[in-house]
Structures are given as C-alpha cells and as structure tokens.
Amino acid sequence: MSQDRGPTEPSPSDRQQAHEYVVQRLAALSAGIWALGFFVFMVFVFPTGEFKPTVGIGVGMWLFALAALPWVGYRPFVDRVARRHPWR
C-alpha cells in the first residue's frame, strides 16, 4: 500500500519549490543584512578614529554571524512555505 498524504501535506515537488523559494529569500536577506552592516561600519565606525585591523576583523565576523542568523529557521520556513504554495 502506498502512503496517502493528508490534504495539507505537501508533495515532493512542492517541497522542492519551497526549498528554492526559501533559499532565494534567505540569501537576499543575509546579503542585505551584511551590506547594511558593512555600510554602517564604513560610514560611522571606520572614519571616526585610527583603524586597527583587529576591529575590522571583529566587525566582519559579527556581521557574518548576524547575516547567518536567519538561516536558523530554514526548515520551519520550508515547511510553512510548502504548505502554503505561493508559486501557484
């Protein structure tokens, strides 16, 4: 017997499309967070005093971590989007 999916259970193709949809949105969000943080650093922090490479490295690491934060919710986002079918 084959397993029957419930009325709200997404099909494999729905999950694949949801994966693409979520990856594109999260990538854009991460890039935006990093670019905005880099802009703020270059405009407000960098010109205010003597630049030390360790400060730039530290800020870059924190920006990278901050930009990666939205990816924590990747699986729940894919599940929710797969059930919603925004591409139909």
N, C-alpha and C. Protein backbone atom coordinates (compact mmCIF):
# COMPACT_ATOMS: atom_id res chain seq x y z
N MET A 1 0.84 -1.18 0.00
CA MET A 1 0.00 0.00 0.00
C MET A 1 0.88 1.24 0.00
N SER A 2 0.46 2.20 -0.72
CA SER A 2 1.21 3.46 -0.73
C SER A 2 0.67 4.38 0.36
N GLN A 3 1.53 5.22 0.80
CA GLN A 3 1.10 6.16 1.84
C GLN A 3 0.31 7.28 1.20
N ASP A 4 -0.83 7.57 1.78
CA ASP A 4 -1.62 8.70 1.31
C ASP A 4 -1.25 9.92 2.12
N ARG A 5 -1.01 11.01 1.41
CA ARG A 5 -0.72 12.25 2.08
C ARG A 5 -2.03 12.92 2.47
N GLY A 6 -2.01 13.62 3.58
CA GLY A 6 -3.18 14.37 4.01
C GLY A 6 -3.43 15.55 3.08
N PRO A 7 -4.56 16.21 3.24
CA PRO A 7 -4.87 17.32 2.34
C PRO A 7 -3.90 18.50 2.46
N THR A 8 -3.25 18.64 3.59
CA THR A 8 -2.31 19.75 3.76
C THR A 8 -0.86 19.32 3.64
N GLU A 9 -0.63 18.04 3.45
CA GLU A 9 0.75 17.52 3.33
C GLU A 9 1.30 17.88 1.95
N PRO A 10 2.44 18.56 1.89
CA PRO A 10 2.99 18.95 0.59
C PRO A 10 3.61 17.78 -0.16
N SER A 11 3.54 17.84 -1.47
CA SER A 11 4.15 16.80 -2.30
C SER A 11 5.65 17.07 -2.41
N PRO A 12 6.43 16.10 -2.89
CA PRO A 12 7.88 16.33 -3.05
C PRO A 12 8.20 17.51 -3.98
N SER A 13 7.41 17.69 -5.03
CA SER A 13 7.67 18.83 -5.92
C SER A 13 7.36 20.15 -5.22
N ASP A 14 6.34 20.16 -4.35
CA ASP A 14 6.04 21.36 -3.56
C ASP A 14 7.20 21.68 -2.61
N ARG A 15 7.76 20.64 -2.02
CA ARG A 15 8.88 20.85 -1.12
C ARG A 15 10.11 21.38 -1.86
N GLN A 16 10.35 20.87 -3.07
CA GLN A 16 11.49 21.34 -3.86
C GLN A 16 11.30 22.81 -4.24
N GLN A 17 10.11 23.17 -4.66
CA GLN A 17 9.84 24.57 -5.00
C GLN A 17 9.92 25.45 -3.76
N ALA A 18 9.45 24.95 -2.64
CA ALA A 18 9.54 25.71 -1.39
C ALA A 18 10.99 25.90 -1.00
N HIS A 19 11.81 24.88 -1.19
CA HIS A 19 13.24 24.97 -0.90
C HIS A 19 13.87 26.11 -1.71
N GLU A 20 13.61 26.13 -3.02
CA GLU A 20 14.16 27.18 -3.88
C GLU A 20 13.67 28.56 -3.45
N TYR A 21 12.40 28.66 -3.16
CA TYR A 21 11.78 29.93 -2.76
C TYR A 21 12.42 30.46 -1.47
N VAL A 22 12.57 29.59 -0.48
CA VAL A 22 13.13 29.99 0.81
C VAL A 22 14.62 30.31 0.69
N VAL A 23 15.36 29.53 -0.06
CA VAL A 23 16.79 29.78 -0.23
C VAL A 23 17.02 31.15 -0.86
N GLN A 24 16.24 31.47 -1.89
CA GLN A 24 16.39 32.78 -2.54
C GLN A 24 16.10 33.92 -1.58
N ARG A 25 15.03 33.79 -0.80
CA ARG A 25 14.66 34.86 0.14
C ARG A 25 15.68 35.00 1.26
N LEU A 26 16.12 33.88 1.82
CA LEU A 26 17.10 33.94 2.91
C LEU A 26 18.45 34.46 2.42
N ALA A 27 18.84 34.10 1.21
CA ALA A 27 20.10 34.60 0.66
C ALA A 27 20.04 36.11 0.47
N ALA A 28 18.92 36.60 -0.05
CA ALA A 28 18.76 38.05 -0.23
C ALA A 28 18.75 38.77 1.12
N LEU A 29 18.08 38.20 2.10
CA LEU A 29 18.03 38.79 3.43
C LEU A 29 19.43 38.83 4.06
N SER A 30 20.17 37.74 3.95
CA SER A 30 21.52 37.69 4.51
C SER A 30 22.44 38.70 3.83
N ALA A 31 22.34 38.79 2.51
CA ALA A 31 23.17 39.76 1.78
C ALA A 31 22.80 41.19 2.19
N GLY A 32 21.52 41.45 2.36
CA GLY A 32 21.08 42.77 2.78
C GLY A 32 21.57 43.13 4.17
N ILE A 33 21.50 42.19 5.10
CA ILE A 33 21.99 42.43 6.46
C ILE A 33 23.48 42.72 6.43
N TRP A 34 24.24 41.91 5.68
CA TRP A 34 25.68 42.10 5.63
C TRP A 34 26.04 43.43 4.97
N ALA A 35 25.37 43.76 3.87
CA ALA A 35 25.67 45.01 3.17
C ALA A 35 25.32 46.22 4.02
N LEU A 36 24.18 46.18 4.69
CA LEU A 36 23.79 47.29 5.56
C LEU A 36 24.77 47.44 6.73
N GLY A 37 25.15 46.33 7.33
CA GLY A 37 26.12 46.38 8.43
C GLY A 37 27.47 46.89 7.96
N PHE A 38 27.91 46.47 6.80
CA PHE A 38 29.18 46.94 6.24
C PHE A 38 29.11 48.44 5.95
N PHE A 39 27.98 48.89 5.40
CA PHE A 39 27.79 50.32 5.12
C PHE A 39 27.85 51.14 6.41
N VAL A 40 27.15 50.68 7.44
CA VAL A 40 27.16 51.38 8.73
C VAL A 40 28.58 51.43 9.29
N PHE A 41 29.30 50.32 9.19
CA PHE A 41 30.67 50.29 9.67
C PHE A 41 31.54 51.29 8.91
N MET A 42 31.43 51.30 7.60
CA MET A 42 32.29 52.17 6.79
C MET A 42 31.94 53.65 6.96
N VAL A 43 30.69 53.95 7.21
CA VAL A 43 30.28 55.36 7.33
C VAL A 43 30.48 55.90 8.74
N PHE A 44 30.15 55.10 9.75
CA PHE A 44 30.15 55.63 11.11
C PHE A 44 31.33 55.19 11.97
N VAL A 45 31.79 53.98 11.82
CA VAL A 45 32.84 53.46 12.70
C VAL A 45 34.23 53.70 12.13
N PHE A 46 34.43 53.36 10.89
CA PHE A 46 35.76 53.42 10.27
C PHE A 46 36.37 54.82 10.27
N PRO A 47 35.64 55.88 9.87
CA PRO A 47 36.29 57.19 9.79
C PRO A 47 36.46 57.91 11.13
N THR A 48 35.94 57.37 12.22
CA THR A 48 35.96 58.10 13.49
C THR A 48 37.30 58.05 14.22
N GLY A 49 38.16 57.16 13.87
CA GLY A 49 39.42 57.07 14.61
C GLY A 49 40.46 56.28 13.86
N GLU A 50 41.51 55.96 14.57
CA GLU A 50 42.58 55.18 13.98
C GLU A 50 42.09 53.75 13.75
N PHE A 51 42.29 53.27 12.55
CA PHE A 51 41.81 51.94 12.21
C PHE A 51 42.82 50.89 12.64
N LYS A 52 42.32 49.89 13.34
CA LYS A 52 43.12 48.73 13.71
C LYS A 52 42.53 47.53 12.99
N PRO A 53 43.37 46.71 12.37
CA PRO A 53 42.84 45.56 11.63
C PRO A 53 41.98 44.63 12.49
N THR A 54 42.30 44.52 13.77
CA THR A 54 41.52 43.63 14.62
C THR A 54 40.08 44.11 14.76
N VAL A 55 39.87 45.41 14.73
CA VAL A 55 38.50 45.94 14.82
C VAL A 55 37.73 45.56 13.56
N GLY A 56 38.34 45.74 12.41
CA GLY A 56 37.69 45.36 11.15
C GLY A 56 37.39 43.88 11.08
N ILE A 57 38.32 43.07 11.53
CA ILE A 57 38.11 41.61 11.54
C ILE A 57 36.98 41.25 12.49
N GLY A 58 36.97 41.85 13.66
CA GLY A 58 35.91 41.57 14.63
C GLY A 58 34.54 41.97 14.13
N VAL A 59 34.45 43.15 13.54
CA VAL A 59 33.16 43.61 12.99
C VAL A 59 32.73 42.69 11.85
N GLY A 60 33.66 42.30 11.00
CA GLY A 60 33.33 41.40 9.89
C GLY A 60 32.80 40.06 10.38
N MET A 61 33.41 39.53 11.43
CA MET A 61 32.95 38.26 11.98
C MET A 61 31.55 38.38 12.57
N TRP A 62 31.31 39.47 13.30
CA TRP A 62 29.98 39.68 13.88
C TRP A 62 28.93 39.89 12.80
N LEU A 63 29.29 40.62 11.74
CA LEU A 63 28.35 40.81 10.63
C LEU A 63 28.03 39.49 9.94
N PHE A 64 29.04 38.66 9.77
CA PHE A 64 28.82 37.35 9.16
C PHE A 64 27.88 36.51 10.02
N ALA A 65 28.09 36.52 11.33
CA ALA A 65 27.22 35.76 12.24
C ALA A 65 25.80 36.32 12.22
N LEU A 66 25.68 37.63 12.20
CA LEU A 66 24.36 38.26 12.17
C LEU A 66 23.64 37.95 10.86
N ALA A 67 24.36 37.96 9.75
CA ALA A 67 23.76 37.65 8.45
C ALA A 67 23.36 36.18 8.35
N ALA A 68 24.05 35.31 9.07
CA ALA A 68 23.72 33.88 9.04
C ALA A 68 22.55 33.53 9.95
N LEU A 69 22.18 34.42 10.84
CA LEU A 69 21.13 34.14 11.82
C LEU A 69 19.78 33.76 11.20
N PRO A 70 19.31 34.39 10.11
CA PRO A 70 18.02 33.97 9.55
C PRO A 70 17.98 32.52 9.08
N TRP A 71 19.14 31.93 8.79
CA TRP A 71 19.17 30.55 8.31
C TRP A 71 18.84 29.55 9.41
N VAL A 72 18.77 29.99 10.64
CA VAL A 72 18.38 29.09 11.74
C VAL A 72 16.97 28.57 11.52
N GLY A 73 16.11 29.38 10.93
CA GLY A 73 14.73 28.97 10.71
C GLY A 73 14.47 28.35 9.36
N TYR A 74 15.50 27.85 8.71
CA TYR A 74 15.35 27.31 7.35
C TYR A 74 14.29 26.21 7.25
N ARG A 75 14.39 25.18 8.07
CA ARG A 75 13.45 24.06 7.98
C ARG A 75 12.00 24.49 8.26
N PRO A 76 11.74 25.24 9.33
CA PRO A 76 10.35 25.68 9.54
C PRO A 76 9.82 26.55 8.40
N PHE A 77 10.69 27.38 7.83
CA PHE A 77 10.27 28.22 6.71
C PHE A 77 9.89 27.35 5.51
N VAL A 78 10.71 26.35 5.21
CA VAL A 78 10.41 25.48 4.07
C VAL A 78 9.10 24.73 4.31
N ASP A 79 8.90 24.22 5.51
CA ASP A 79 7.66 23.50 5.81
C ASP A 79 6.44 24.41 5.64
N ARG A 80 6.53 25.61 6.18
CA ARG A 80 5.40 26.54 6.10
C ARG A 80 5.13 26.96 4.65
N VAL A 81 6.18 27.26 3.90
CA VAL A 81 6.01 27.69 2.51
C VAL A 81 5.50 26.53 1.65
N ALA A 82 5.95 25.31 1.91
CA ALA A 82 5.49 24.16 1.14
C ALA A 82 3.99 23.92 1.34
N ARG A 83 3.50 24.17 2.53
CA ARG A 83 2.07 24.02 2.78
C ARG A 83 1.25 25.15 2.17
N ARG A 84 1.87 26.30 2.02
CA ARG A 84 1.16 27.49 1.54
C ARG A 84 1.10 27.57 0.02
N HIS A 85 2.06 27.02 -0.70
CA HIS A 85 2.14 27.03 -2.17
C HIS A 85 2.08 28.44 -2.75
N PRO A 86 3.04 29.33 -2.48
CA PRO A 86 2.95 30.70 -3.01
C PRO A 86 3.22 30.79 -4.51
N TRP A 87 3.73 29.74 -5.13
CA TRP A 87 4.06 29.79 -6.55
C TRP A 87 2.88 29.41 -7.43
N ARG A 88 1.78 28.99 -6.84
CA ARG A 88 0.61 28.61 -7.65
C ARG A 88 -0.29 29.78 -7.91
